[in-house]
């Protein structure tokens, strides 16, 4: 729980109208594919840094590397989406509700992955 302290503080403000299920399908289809995979960076053709998010199978392979916590318990996926420099996606930060959904998915041990 400590590893998500920053996002949990954000989570206190999450919209009560966000009723999306916390599943890999939602994470992949509604967040990763449109924000990371369909744009120029992490598609099947560009494969930036080896990560691909525009297909289910490729997303699964890519996420397996990004959901391993570091020595401080922080997940790589959370780090790249929340750090102040070189935050992903580059064009625009993810909406708050998307970050909270990802955080919840990680807390639940990534159902569907």
C-alpha atoms as a PDB file:
ATOM      1  CA  UNK A   1       0.000   0.000   0.000  1.00  0.00           C
ATOM      2  CA  UNK A   2       2.900   2.393   0.725  1.00  0.00           C
ATOM      3  CA  UNK A   3       4.177   2.068  -2.832  1.00  0.00           C
ATOM      4  CA  UNK A   4       1.016   3.779  -4.070  1.00  0.00           C
ATOM      5  CA  UNK A   5       0.941   6.611  -1.561  1.00  0.00           C
ATOM      6  CA  UNK A   6       1.216   9.303  -4.236  1.00  0.00           C
ATOM      7  CA  UNK A   7      -1.489   7.830  -6.399  1.00  0.00           C
ATOM      8  CA  UNK A   8      -3.679   7.005  -3.435  1.00  0.00           C
ATOM      9  CA  UNK A   9      -3.661  10.658  -2.518  1.00  0.00           C
ATOM     10  CA  UNK A  10      -4.848  11.361  -6.049  1.00  0.00           C
ATOM     11  CA  UNK A  11      -7.405   8.583  -5.724  1.00  0.00           C
ATOM     12  CA  UNK A  12      -9.254  10.481  -3.043  1.00  0.00           C
ATOM     13  CA  UNK A  13     -10.424  12.792  -5.807  1.00  0.00           C
ATOM     14  CA  UNK A  14     -11.484  10.142  -8.329  1.00  0.00           C
ATOM     15  CA  UNK A  15     -14.809  10.739  -9.952  1.00  0.00           C
ATOM     16  CA  UNK A  16     -17.543   8.595  -8.409  1.00  0.00           C
ATOM     17  CA  UNK A  17     -19.000   8.272 -11.904  1.00  0.00           C
ATOM     18  CA  UNK A  18     -16.052   6.177 -13.170  1.00  0.00           C
ATOM     19  CA  UNK A  19     -17.648   2.761 -13.071  1.00  0.00           C
ATOM     20  CA  UNK A  20     -15.282   0.979 -15.433  1.00  0.00           C
ATOM     21  CA  UNK A  21     -14.382  -2.550 -14.349  1.00  0.00           C
ATOM     22  CA  UNK A  22     -10.797  -2.980 -13.214  1.00  0.00           C
ATOM     23  CA  UNK A  23      -9.640  -5.529 -15.784  1.00  0.00           C
ATOM     24  CA  UNK A  24      -6.819  -5.977 -18.258  1.00  0.00           C
ATOM     25  CA  UNK A  25      -9.304  -5.525 -21.106  1.00  0.00           C
ATOM     26  CA  UNK A  26     -10.256  -2.051 -19.881  1.00  0.00           C
ATOM     27  CA  UNK A  27      -6.638  -1.116 -19.128  1.00  0.00           C
ATOM     28  CA  UNK A  28      -5.547  -2.252 -22.591  1.00  0.00           C
ATOM     29  CA  UNK A  29      -8.506  -1.125 -24.726  1.00  0.00           C
ATOM     30  CA  UNK A  30      -9.381   2.159 -23.039  1.00  0.00           C
ATOM     31  CA  UNK A  31      -6.027   3.399 -21.779  1.00  0.00           C
ATOM     32  CA  UNK A  32      -2.919   1.753 -23.226  1.00  0.00           C
ATOM     33  CA  UNK A  33      -3.965   1.162 -26.841  1.00  0.00           C
ATOM     34  CA  UNK A  34      -5.298   4.668 -27.531  1.00  0.00           C
ATOM     35  CA  UNK A  35      -2.733   6.538 -25.418  1.00  0.00           C
ATOM     36  CA  UNK A  36       0.406   4.504 -26.060  1.00  0.00           C
ATOM     37  CA  UNK A  37      -0.104   2.011 -28.885  1.00  0.00           C
ATOM     38  CA  UNK A  38      -2.059   3.830 -31.557  1.00  0.00           C
ATOM     39  CA  UNK A  39       0.205   6.877 -31.432  1.00  0.00           C
ATOM     40  CA  UNK A  40       3.702   6.730 -32.865  1.00  0.00           C
ATOM     41  CA  UNK A  41       5.536   5.293 -29.869  1.00  0.00           C
ATOM     42  CA  UNK A  42       4.473   1.792 -28.826  1.00  0.00           C
ATOM     43  CA  UNK A  43       2.703   0.306 -31.830  1.00  0.00           C
ATOM     44  CA  UNK A  44       3.412  -2.993 -33.570  1.00  0.00           C
ATOM     45  CA  UNK A  45       5.388  -1.109 -36.194  1.00  0.00           C
ATOM     46  CA  UNK A  46       7.441   1.256 -34.007  1.00  0.00           C
ATOM     47  CA  UNK A  47       8.050  -0.904 -30.902  1.00  0.00           C
ATOM     48  CA  UNK A  48       9.782   1.940 -29.042  1.00  0.00           C
ATOM     49  CA  UNK A  49      11.961   0.483 -26.253  1.00  0.00           C
ATOM     50  CA  UNK A  50      10.462  -2.922 -27.133  1.00  0.00           C
ATOM     51  CA  UNK A  51       7.041  -2.106 -25.699  1.00  0.00           C
ATOM     52  CA  UNK A  52       3.899  -2.613 -27.789  1.00  0.00           C
ATOM     53  CA  UNK A  53       0.401  -1.677 -26.621  1.00  0.00           C
ATOM     54  CA  UNK A  54      -1.808  -1.912 -29.691  1.00  0.00           C
ATOM     55  CA  UNK A  55      -2.632  -5.618 -29.350  1.00  0.00           C
ATOM     56  CA  UNK A  56      -3.648  -7.793 -26.409  1.00  0.00           C
ATOM     57  CA  UNK A  57      -0.823 -10.316 -26.748  1.00  0.00           C
ATOM     58  CA  UNK A  58       1.889  -7.701 -27.193  1.00  0.00           C
ATOM     59  CA  UNK A  59       0.483  -5.646 -24.313  1.00  0.00           C
ATOM     60  CA  UNK A  60       0.599  -8.685 -22.062  1.00  0.00           C
ATOM     61  CA  UNK A  61       4.259  -9.290 -22.933  1.00  0.00           C
ATOM     62  CA  UNK A  62       5.171  -5.638 -22.456  1.00  0.00           C
ATOM     63  CA  UNK A  63       3.302  -5.259 -19.163  1.00  0.00           C
ATOM     64  CA  UNK A  64       4.923  -8.301 -17.595  1.00  0.00           C
ATOM     65  CA  UNK A  65       8.137  -6.266 -17.482  1.00  0.00           C
ATOM     66  CA  UNK A  66       6.451  -3.101 -16.245  1.00  0.00           C
ATOM     67  CA  UNK A  67       4.466  -4.537 -13.341  1.00  0.00           C
ATOM     68  CA  UNK A  68       7.487  -5.772 -11.402  1.00  0.00           C
ATOM     69  CA  UNK A  69       8.112  -3.447  -8.462  1.00  0.00           C
ATOM     70  CA  UNK A  70      11.575  -1.996  -7.896  1.00  0.00           C
ATOM     71  CA  UNK A  71      13.430  -2.178  -4.576  1.00  0.00           C
ATOM     72  CA  UNK A  72      11.179   0.605  -3.243  1.00  0.00           C
ATOM     73  CA  UNK A  73       8.011  -1.249  -4.259  1.00  0.00           C
ATOM     74  CA  UNK A  74       7.208   1.130  -7.114  1.00  0.00           C
ATOM     75  CA  UNK A  75       6.011  -0.402 -10.374  1.00  0.00           C
ATOM     76  CA  UNK A  76       7.719   0.607 -13.628  1.00  0.00           C
ATOM     77  CA  UNK A  77       4.344   1.333 -15.196  1.00  0.00           C
ATOM     78  CA  UNK A  78       3.497   3.816 -12.446  1.00  0.00           C
ATOM     79  CA  UNK A  79       6.947   5.403 -12.636  1.00  0.00           C
ATOM     80  CA  UNK A  80       6.787   6.186 -16.342  1.00  0.00           C
ATOM     81  CA  UNK A  81       3.258   7.567 -16.122  1.00  0.00           C
ATOM     82  CA  UNK A  82       3.790   9.821 -13.115  1.00  0.00           C
ATOM     83  CA  UNK A  83       7.382  11.069 -13.077  1.00  0.00           C
ATOM     84  CA  UNK A  84       7.828  14.744 -13.771  1.00  0.00           C
ATOM     85  CA  UNK A  85      10.467  14.347 -16.492  1.00  0.00           C
ATOM     86  CA  UNK A  86       9.943  12.105 -19.516  1.00  0.00           C
ATOM     87  CA  UNK A  87       6.442  11.194 -18.391  1.00  0.00           C
ATOM     88  CA  UNK A  88       4.493   8.860 -20.676  1.00  0.00           C
ATOM     89  CA  UNK A  89       2.544   9.382 -22.763  1.00  0.00           C
ATOM     90  CA  UNK A  90       4.643  12.231 -24.072  1.00  0.00           C
ATOM     91  CA  UNK A  91       1.880  14.202 -25.816  1.00  0.00           C
ATOM     92  CA  UNK A  92      -0.342  14.565 -22.752  1.00  0.00           C
ATOM     93  CA  UNK A  93      -0.510  13.053 -19.280  1.00  0.00           C
ATOM     94  CA  UNK A  94      -3.119  10.386 -18.734  1.00  0.00           C
ATOM     95  CA  UNK A  95      -6.336  11.606 -17.170  1.00  0.00           C
ATOM     96  CA  UNK A  96      -6.474  11.274 -13.402  1.00  0.00           C
ATOM     97  CA  UNK A  97      -9.196   8.599 -13.517  1.00  0.00           C
ATOM     98  CA  UNK A  98      -7.057   6.455 -15.847  1.00  0.00           C
ATOM     99  CA  UNK A  99      -4.089   6.625 -13.480  1.00  0.00           C
ATOM    100  CA  UNK A 100      -6.292   5.653 -10.554  1.00  0.00           C
ATOM    101  CA  UNK A 101      -7.746   2.744 -12.532  1.00  0.00           C
ATOM    102  CA  UNK A 102      -4.234   1.501 -13.366  1.00  0.00           C
ATOM    103  CA  UNK A 103      -3.240   1.861  -9.712  1.00  0.00           C
ATOM    104  CA  UNK A 104      -6.264  -0.173  -8.626  1.00  0.00           C
ATOM    105  CA  UNK A 105      -5.498  -2.831 -11.231  1.00  0.00           C
ATOM    106  CA  UNK A 106      -1.930  -3.141  -9.935  1.00  0.00           C
ATOM    107  CA  UNK A 107      -3.161  -3.335  -6.328  1.00  0.00           C
ATOM    108  CA  UNK A 108      -5.461  -6.183  -7.344  1.00  0.00           C
ATOM    109  CA  UNK A 109      -2.498  -8.111  -8.812  1.00  0.00           C
ATOM    110  CA  UNK A 110      -3.327  -7.309 -12.438  1.00  0.00           C
ATOM    111  CA  UNK A 111      -6.475  -9.364 -13.124  1.00  0.00           C
ATOM    112  CA  UNK A 112      -6.623 -10.700 -16.664  1.00  0.00           C
ATOM    113  CA  UNK A 113      -2.946 -10.359 -17.342  1.00  0.00           C
END
